[in-house]
Amino acid sequence: MRLGFWAIGATGFVAACTSLSGLNASDDAGSSADAAPGADAPSDAGGGSDTSADVTSDTSEPSDGAVNLLKNPGFEQSLGNGCTDWTVAFGGTAVLSDVARTGAHSCLVCPNDQVVLYSGLSQYGLSSANATTYYAEVWLRAPDNGQAPPNTGVVLYETLPDGGPQNHQGNFVVPSSTWGLSTITATAGATGDKVQFEMHGYFPDGGCVLVDDAALYAR
């Protein structure tokens, strides 16, 4: 099995984001996507609320002893100021923050000056000889200054044996001052496939997003 936040290659993330025109934001965590980010975005894109349910605690973690396949999912094992085991795409930045949902740290992700549309975190690590159902989640929040992108969410990005992409898009979250949850349940990883877990954000007006408590489980 090969799932885990993969240490992304920029090409994989670029492929995922450039193919976002084929994604469809959905509140059904098990759906695949088909519309560009923002197509189903809430009208209050200023960050005052999120698209997830009103969640105050994480009740989605499996109780059957399933293992989180991601490395450093809560950013507590990071060294220095960076977010160890994670890669930020498009030349953006990823730095530790002490505004955390749990533990002492989260990861603050921002696009750079040259990239004003997409940025995110990725992690490689999954492979499977058979199609497997995966559940993934990530918690997202606006930084204390309140400026955040209108759309953020979790994606399982699959590279098929013929080289083509398949995106499984979770529900979009509009980051606010409270933590919002994005989830996805999808079947991926058939023979020869590569699966990638990522958080991506759509940053038309800049801003940053705090990321914490990511998880990826095989079910």
C-alpha atoms as a PDB file:
ATOM      1  CA  MET A   1       0.000   0.000   0.000  1.00  0.00           C
ATOM      2  CA  ARG A   2       1.260   3.496  -0.766  1.00  0.00           C
ATOM      3  CA  LEU A   3      -0.744   6.278   0.766  1.00  0.00           C
ATOM      4  CA  GLY A   4       0.510   8.989   2.972  1.00  0.00           C
ATOM      5  CA  PHE A   5       1.082  12.633   2.392  1.00  0.00           C
ATOM      6  CA  TRP A   6       3.627  12.199  -0.311  1.00  0.00           C
ATOM      7  CA  ALA A   7       6.590  14.464  -0.585  1.00  0.00           C
ATOM      8  CA  ILE A   8       5.017  15.973  -3.660  1.00  0.00           C
ATOM      9  CA  GLY A   9       6.689  16.765  -6.898  1.00  0.00           C
ATOM     10  CA  ALA A  10       5.571  20.138  -8.206  1.00  0.00           C
ATOM     11  CA  THR A  11       4.453  18.491 -11.430  1.00  0.00           C
ATOM     12  CA  GLY A  12       1.999  16.271  -9.569  1.00  0.00           C
ATOM     13  CA  PHE A  13       0.475  19.193  -7.752  1.00  0.00           C
ATOM     14  CA  VAL A  14       0.409  21.334 -10.887  1.00  0.00           C
ATOM     15  CA  ALA A  15      -1.402  18.515 -12.656  1.00  0.00           C
ATOM     16  CA  ALA A  16      -3.873  18.285  -9.807  1.00  0.00           C
ATOM     17  CA  CYS A  17      -4.536  21.998  -9.728  1.00  0.00           C
ATOM     18  CA  THR A  18      -4.569  22.574 -13.462  1.00  0.00           C
ATOM     19  CA  SER A  19      -7.111  19.796 -13.682  1.00  0.00           C
ATOM     20  CA  LEU A  20      -9.287  21.471 -11.083  1.00  0.00           C
ATOM     21  CA  SER A  21     -11.446  22.550 -13.966  1.00  0.00           C
ATOM     22  CA  GLY A  22     -12.624  18.961 -13.776  1.00  0.00           C
ATOM     23  CA  LEU A  23     -13.423  19.117 -10.071  1.00  0.00           C
ATOM     24  CA  ASN A  24     -16.740  19.632  -8.399  1.00  0.00           C
ATOM     25  CA  ALA A  25     -16.946  20.857  -4.851  1.00  0.00           C
ATOM     26  CA  SER A  26     -19.278  18.632  -2.906  1.00  0.00           C
ATOM     27  CA  ASP A  27     -20.444  18.302   0.644  1.00  0.00           C
ATOM     28  CA  ASP A  28     -20.588  14.549   0.044  1.00  0.00           C
ATOM     29  CA  ALA A  29     -17.144  13.493   1.173  1.00  0.00           C
ATOM     30  CA  GLY A  30     -17.294  10.435  -1.030  1.00  0.00           C
ATOM     31  CA  SER A  31     -17.739  12.228  -4.339  1.00  0.00           C
ATOM     32  CA  SER A  32     -15.289  12.849  -7.150  1.00  0.00           C
ATOM     33  CA  ALA A  33     -15.075  16.282  -8.616  1.00  0.00           C
ATOM     34  CA  ASP A  34     -16.029  17.957 -11.856  1.00  0.00           C
ATOM     35  CA  ALA A  35     -16.040  21.756 -11.545  1.00  0.00           C
ATOM     36  CA  ALA A  36     -13.447  24.444 -10.984  1.00  0.00           C
ATOM     37  CA  PRO A  37     -12.759  25.511  -7.410  1.00  0.00           C
ATOM     38  CA  GLY A  38     -15.068  28.276  -6.486  1.00  0.00           C
ATOM     39  CA  ALA A  39     -17.851  27.030  -8.728  1.00  0.00           C
ATOM     40  CA  ASP A  40     -19.874  25.932  -5.732  1.00  0.00           C
ATOM     41  CA  ALA A  41     -18.215  28.241  -3.246  1.00  0.00           C
ATOM     42  CA  PRO A  42     -20.342  29.916  -0.583  1.00  0.00           C
ATOM     43  CA  SER A  43     -21.270  33.497  -1.362  1.00  0.00           C
ATOM     44  CA  ASP A  44     -19.627  34.805   1.827  1.00  0.00           C
ATOM     45  CA  ALA A  45     -16.125  34.228   0.471  1.00  0.00           C
ATOM     46  CA  GLY A  46     -14.739  36.750   2.903  1.00  0.00           C
ATOM     47  CA  GLY A  47     -14.034  33.938   5.363  1.00  0.00           C
ATOM     48  CA  GLY A  48     -16.837  34.515   7.836  1.00  0.00           C
ATOM     49  CA  SER A  49     -17.981  30.882   7.870  1.00  0.00           C
ATOM     50  CA  ASP A  50     -17.014  27.465   6.561  1.00  0.00           C
ATOM     51  CA  THR A  51     -18.774  24.954   4.352  1.00  0.00           C
ATOM     52  CA  SER A  52     -18.357  22.081   6.754  1.00  0.00           C
ATOM     53  CA  ALA A  53     -20.811  21.175   9.463  1.00  0.00           C
ATOM     54  CA  ASP A  54     -20.569  22.940  12.792  1.00  0.00           C
ATOM     55  CA  VAL A  55     -17.800  20.803  14.220  1.00  0.00           C
ATOM     56  CA  THR A  56     -16.246  21.322  17.598  1.00  0.00           C
ATOM     57  CA  SER A  57     -14.490  17.989  17.958  1.00  0.00           C
ATOM     58  CA  ASP A  58     -13.084  15.316  15.674  1.00  0.00           C
ATOM     59  CA  THR A  59     -15.435  12.361  15.763  1.00  0.00           C
ATOM     60  CA  SER A  60     -14.427  10.942  12.385  1.00  0.00           C
ATOM     61  CA  GLU A  61     -11.197   9.210  13.401  1.00  0.00           C
ATOM     62  CA  PRO A  62     -11.608   5.449  13.173  1.00  0.00           C
ATOM     63  CA  SER A  63     -12.111   3.695  16.502  1.00  0.00           C
ATOM     64  CA  ASP A  64     -10.963   0.322  15.145  1.00  0.00           C
ATOM     65  CA  GLY A  65      -7.251   0.961  15.597  1.00  0.00           C
ATOM     66  CA  ALA A  66      -6.663   2.058  11.998  1.00  0.00           C
ATOM     67  CA  VAL A  67      -3.285   3.726  11.455  1.00  0.00           C
ATOM     68  CA  ASN A  68      -2.944   7.252  10.092  1.00  0.00           C
ATOM     69  CA  LEU A  69      -0.818   6.776   6.993  1.00  0.00           C
ATOM     70  CA  LEU A  70       0.531  10.329   6.956  1.00  0.00           C
ATOM     71  CA  LYS A  71       3.852  11.435   8.380  1.00  0.00           C
ATOM     72  CA  ASN A  72       3.841  14.302  10.879  1.00  0.00           C
ATOM     73  CA  PRO A  73       0.072  14.854  10.447  1.00  0.00           C
ATOM     74  CA  GLY A  74      -0.180  17.384  13.267  1.00  0.00           C
ATOM     75  CA  PHE A  75       3.140  19.133  12.538  1.00  0.00           C
ATOM     76  CA  GLU A  76       4.403  18.360  16.036  1.00  0.00           C
ATOM     77  CA  GLN A  77       7.538  16.581  14.742  1.00  0.00           C
ATOM     78  CA  SER A  78       8.657  19.474  12.562  1.00  0.00           C
ATOM     79  CA  LEU A  79      12.226  20.745  12.834  1.00  0.00           C
ATOM     80  CA  GLY A  80      13.114  24.423  12.621  1.00  0.00           C
ATOM     81  CA  ASN A  81      10.455  26.716  11.169  1.00  0.00           C
ATOM     82  CA  GLY A  82       9.327  24.454   8.332  1.00  0.00           C
ATOM     83  CA  CYS A  83       6.602  21.807   8.169  1.00  0.00           C
ATOM     84  CA  THR A  84       8.688  18.613   8.106  1.00  0.00           C
ATOM     85  CA  ASP A  85       7.574  15.799   5.736  1.00  0.00           C
ATOM     86  CA  TRP A  86       5.339  18.175   3.780  1.00  0.00           C
ATOM     87  CA  THR A  87       5.983  19.972   0.511  1.00  0.00           C
ATOM     88  CA  VAL A  88       4.345  23.186  -0.565  1.00  0.00           C
ATOM     89  CA  ALA A  89       3.650  23.571  -4.266  1.00  0.00           C
ATOM     90  CA  PHE A  90       4.024  26.461  -6.705  1.00  0.00           C
ATOM     91  CA  GLY A  91       6.814  28.103  -4.757  1.00  0.00           C
ATOM     92  CA  GLY A  92       4.589  29.109  -1.883  1.00  0.00           C
ATOM     93  CA  THR A  93       5.609  28.956   1.760  1.00  0.00           C
ATOM     94  CA  ALA A  94       4.835  26.564   4.602  1.00  0.00           C
ATOM     95  CA  VAL A  95       5.940  27.563   8.098  1.00  0.00           C
ATOM     96  CA  LEU A  96       5.090  26.384  11.599  1.00  0.00           C
ATOM     97  CA  SER A  97       2.468  28.308  13.536  1.00  0.00           C
ATOM     98  CA  ASP A  98       1.613  28.160  17.232  1.00  0.00           C
ATOM     99  CA  VAL A  99      -2.094  28.642  16.424  1.00  0.00           C
ATOM    100  CA  ALA A 100      -3.016  24.986  16.705  1.00  0.00           C
ATOM    101  CA  ARG A 101      -6.225  22.957  16.781  1.00  0.00           C
ATOM    102  CA  THR A 102      -4.517  20.289  18.912  1.00  0.00           C
ATOM    103  CA  GLY A 103      -0.964  20.080  20.212  1.00  0.00           C
ATOM    104  CA  ALA A 104       1.375  23.047  19.909  1.00  0.00           C
ATOM    105  CA  HIS A 105       1.628  23.639  16.158  1.00  0.00           C
ATOM    106  CA  SER A 106      -0.148  23.894  12.850  1.00  0.00           C
ATOM    107  CA  CYS A 107       1.251  24.759   9.404  1.00  0.00           C
ATOM    108  CA  LEU A 108       0.665  28.166   7.816  1.00  0.00           C
ATOM    109  CA  VAL A 109       0.469  27.896   4.020  1.00  0.00           C
ATOM    110  CA  CYS A 110       0.677  30.963   1.767  1.00  0.00           C
ATOM    111  CA  PRO A 111       1.150  31.441  -1.984  1.00  0.00           C
ATOM    112  CA  ASN A 112       4.081  33.517  -3.181  1.00  0.00           C
ATOM    113  CA  ASP A 113       3.942  36.749  -5.159  1.00  0.00           C
ATOM    114  CA  GLN A 114       4.152  34.981  -8.503  1.00  0.00           C
ATOM    115  CA  VAL A 115       1.397  32.476  -7.769  1.00  0.00           C
ATOM    116  CA  VAL A 116      -1.877  34.085  -6.804  1.00  0.00           C
ATOM    117  CA  LEU A 117      -4.292  31.263  -7.573  1.00  0.00           C
ATOM    118  CA  TYR A 118      -3.231  27.921  -6.098  1.00  0.00           C
ATOM    119  CA  SER A 119      -1.072  26.680  -3.279  1.00  0.00           C
ATOM    120  CA  GLY A 120      -1.160  23.734  -0.930  1.00  0.00           C
ATOM    121  CA  LEU A 121       0.563  20.926   0.906  1.00  0.00           C
ATOM    122  CA  SER A 122       1.234  17.429  -0.386  1.00  0.00           C
ATOM    123  CA  GLN A 123       2.692  14.173   0.802  1.00  0.00           C
ATOM    124  CA  TYR A 124       3.437  10.962  -1.069  1.00  0.00           C
ATOM    125  CA  GLY A 125       3.574   7.476   0.338  1.00  0.00           C
ATOM    126  CA  LEU A 126       0.778   5.161  -0.864  1.00  0.00           C
ATOM    127  CA  SER A 127       0.815   2.230  -3.173  1.00  0.00           C
ATOM    128  CA  SER A 128      -1.479  -0.696  -3.527  1.00  0.00           C
ATOM    129  CA  ALA A 129      -1.816  -3.738  -5.733  1.00  0.00           C
ATOM    130  CA  ASN A 130      -5.582  -3.419  -5.453  1.00  0.00           C
ATOM    131  CA  ALA A 131      -8.151  -0.670  -5.385  1.00  0.00           C
ATOM    132  CA  THR A 132      -8.598   0.488  -1.805  1.00  0.00           C
ATOM    133  CA  THR A 133     -11.117   2.765  -0.141  1.00  0.00           C
ATOM    134  CA  TYR A 134      -9.441   5.630   1.679  1.00  0.00           C
ATOM    135  CA  TYR A 135     -10.760   8.209   4.092  1.00  0.00           C
ATOM    136  CA  ALA A 136      -8.865  11.498   4.365  1.00  0.00           C
ATOM    137  CA  GLU A 137      -9.418  14.670   6.332  1.00  0.00           C
ATOM    138  CA  VAL A 138      -7.742  17.959   7.168  1.00  0.00           C
ATOM    139  CA  TRP A 139      -8.673  20.815   9.517  1.00  0.00           C
ATOM    140  CA  LEU A 140      -8.401  24.362   8.163  1.00  0.00           C
ATOM    141  CA  ARG A 141      -8.581  27.824   9.704  1.00  0.00           C
ATOM    142  CA  ALA A 142      -7.994  31.446   8.803  1.00  0.00           C
ATOM    143  CA  PRO A 143      -4.890  33.070  10.319  1.00  0.00           C
ATOM    144  CA  ASP A 144      -5.342  35.584  13.110  1.00  0.00           C
ATOM    145  CA  ASN A 145      -5.266  38.503  10.677  1.00  0.00           C
ATOM    146  CA  GLY A 146      -8.407  37.059   9.093  1.00  0.00           C
ATOM    147  CA  GLN A 147      -7.183  37.063   5.479  1.00  0.00           C
ATOM    148  CA  ALA A 148      -7.728  33.621   3.951  1.00  0.00           C
ATOM    149  CA  PRO A 149      -8.586  32.105   0.556  1.00  0.00           C
ATOM    150  CA  PRO A 150     -12.255  31.493  -0.287  1.00  0.00           C
ATOM    151  CA  ASN A 151     -11.799  27.785  -1.037  1.00  0.00           C
ATOM    152  CA  THR A 152      -9.649  25.160   0.644  1.00  0.00           C
ATOM    153  CA  GLY A 153     -10.053  21.413   0.920  1.00  0.00           C
ATOM    154  CA  VAL A 154      -8.608  17.926   0.820  1.00  0.00           C
ATOM    155  CA  VAL A 155      -8.013  16.018  -2.419  1.00  0.00           C
ATOM    156  CA  LEU A 156      -6.943  12.486  -3.207  1.00  0.00           C
ATOM    157  CA  TYR A 157      -5.092  12.805  -6.502  1.00  0.00           C
ATOM    158  CA  GLU A 158      -4.592   9.620  -8.460  1.00  0.00           C
ATOM    159  CA  THR A 159      -2.200   9.072 -11.369  1.00  0.00           C
ATOM    160  CA  LEU A 160      -3.620   6.244 -13.479  1.00  0.00           C
ATOM    161  CA  PRO A 161      -1.484   3.622 -15.258  1.00  0.00           C
ATOM    162  CA  ASP A 162      -1.979   5.445 -18.574  1.00  0.00           C
ATOM    163  CA  GLY A 163      -0.650   8.648 -17.011  1.00  0.00           C
ATOM    164  CA  GLY A 164      -4.023  10.341 -16.766  1.00  0.00           C
ATOM    165  CA  PRO A 165      -5.229  12.013 -13.562  1.00  0.00           C
ATOM    166  CA  GLN A 166      -8.256  11.253 -11.425  1.00  0.00           C
ATOM    167  CA  ASN A 167      -9.200  13.736  -8.734  1.00  0.00           C
ATOM    168  CA  HIS A 168     -11.324  12.923  -5.701  1.00  0.00           C
ATOM    169  CA  GLN A 169     -12.331  16.261  -4.201  1.00  0.00           C
ATOM    170  CA  GLY A 170     -13.549  16.680  -0.645  1.00  0.00           C
ATOM    171  CA  ASN A 171     -15.876  19.410   0.534  1.00  0.00           C
ATOM    172  CA  PHE A 172     -14.581  22.964   0.291  1.00  0.00           C
ATOM    173  CA  VAL A 173     -14.049  24.953   3.463  1.00  0.00           C
ATOM    174  CA  VAL A 174     -14.093  28.750   3.674  1.00  0.00           C
ATOM    175  CA  PRO A 175     -11.534  29.318   6.454  1.00  0.00           C
ATOM    176  CA  SER A 176     -12.799  31.381   9.373  1.00  0.00           C
ATOM    177  CA  SER A 177     -11.702  32.046  12.952  1.00  0.00           C
ATOM    178  CA  THR A 178     -12.761  28.519  13.948  1.00  0.00           C
ATOM    179  CA  TRP A 179     -11.401  25.243  12.587  1.00  0.00           C
ATOM    180  CA  GLY A 180     -13.390  23.695   9.725  1.00  0.00           C
ATOM    181  CA  LEU A 181     -13.143  20.094   8.517  1.00  0.00           C
ATOM    182  CA  SER A 182     -12.713  18.919   4.919  1.00  0.00           C
ATOM    183  CA  THR A 183     -13.081  15.176   4.256  1.00  0.00           C
ATOM    184  CA  ILE A 184     -13.117  12.728   1.371  1.00  0.00           C
ATOM    185  CA  THR A 185     -13.844   9.021   1.060  1.00  0.00           C
ATOM    186  CA  ALA A 186     -12.764   7.556  -2.254  1.00  0.00           C
ATOM    187  CA  THR A 187     -11.629   4.299  -3.826  1.00  0.00           C
ATOM    188  CA  ALA A 188      -8.201   4.602  -5.425  1.00  0.00           C
ATOM    189  CA  GLY A 189      -4.926   2.775  -5.890  1.00  0.00           C
ATOM    190  CA  ALA A 190      -5.759   0.051  -8.400  1.00  0.00           C
ATOM    191  CA  THR A 191      -2.830  -1.917  -9.829  1.00  0.00           C
ATOM    192  CA  GLY A 192      -0.190   0.474 -11.112  1.00  0.00           C
ATOM    193  CA  ASP A 193      -1.931   3.576  -9.812  1.00  0.00           C
ATOM    194  CA  LYS A 194      -0.250   6.198  -7.669  1.00  0.00           C
ATOM    195  CA  VAL A 195      -2.236   8.011  -4.994  1.00  0.00           C
ATOM    196  CA  GLN A 196      -1.420  11.364  -3.459  1.00  0.00           C
ATOM    197  CA  PHE A 197      -2.977  13.111  -0.490  1.00  0.00           C
ATOM    198  CA  GLU A 198      -3.045  16.890  -0.616  1.00  0.00           C
ATOM    199  CA  MET A 199      -4.608  19.995   0.813  1.00  0.00           C
ATOM    200  CA  HIS A 200      -5.082  22.682  -1.767  1.00  0.00           C
ATOM    201  CA  GLY A 201      -6.334  26.215  -1.661  1.00  0.00           C
ATOM    202  CA  TYR A 202      -7.609  28.658  -4.267  1.00  0.00           C
ATOM    203  CA  PHE A 203      -6.060  32.062  -3.555  1.00  0.00           C
ATOM    204  CA  PRO A 204      -7.456  34.618  -6.042  1.00  0.00           C
ATOM    205  CA  ASP A 205      -6.786  37.490  -3.626  1.00  0.00           C
ATOM    206  CA  GLY A 206      -3.797  36.134  -1.715  1.00  0.00           C
ATOM    207  CA  GLY A 207      -4.157  35.291   1.952  1.00  0.00           C
ATOM    208  CA  CYS A 208      -2.977  32.245   3.911  1.00  0.00           C
ATOM    209  CA  VAL A 209      -4.524  29.197   5.578  1.00  0.00           C
ATOM    210  CA  LEU A 210      -3.660  27.270   8.745  1.00  0.00           C
ATOM    211  CA  VAL A 211      -3.575  23.485   8.355  1.00  0.00           C
ATOM    212  CA  ASP A 212      -3.671  20.954  11.211  1.00  0.00           C
ATOM    213  CA  ASP A 213      -4.526  17.355  12.117  1.00  0.00           C
ATOM    214  CA  ALA A 214      -4.418  15.780   8.683  1.00  0.00           C
ATOM    215  CA  ALA A 215      -5.288  12.092   8.401  1.00  0.00           C
ATOM    216  CA  LEU A 216      -5.396   9.347   5.827  1.00  0.00           C
ATOM    217  CA  TYR A 217      -6.819   5.883   6.566  1.00  0.00           C
ATOM    218  CA  ALA A 218      -7.326   2.758   4.498  1.00  0.00           C
ATOM    219  CA  ARG A 219     -10.769   1.243   5.098  1.00  0.00           C
END
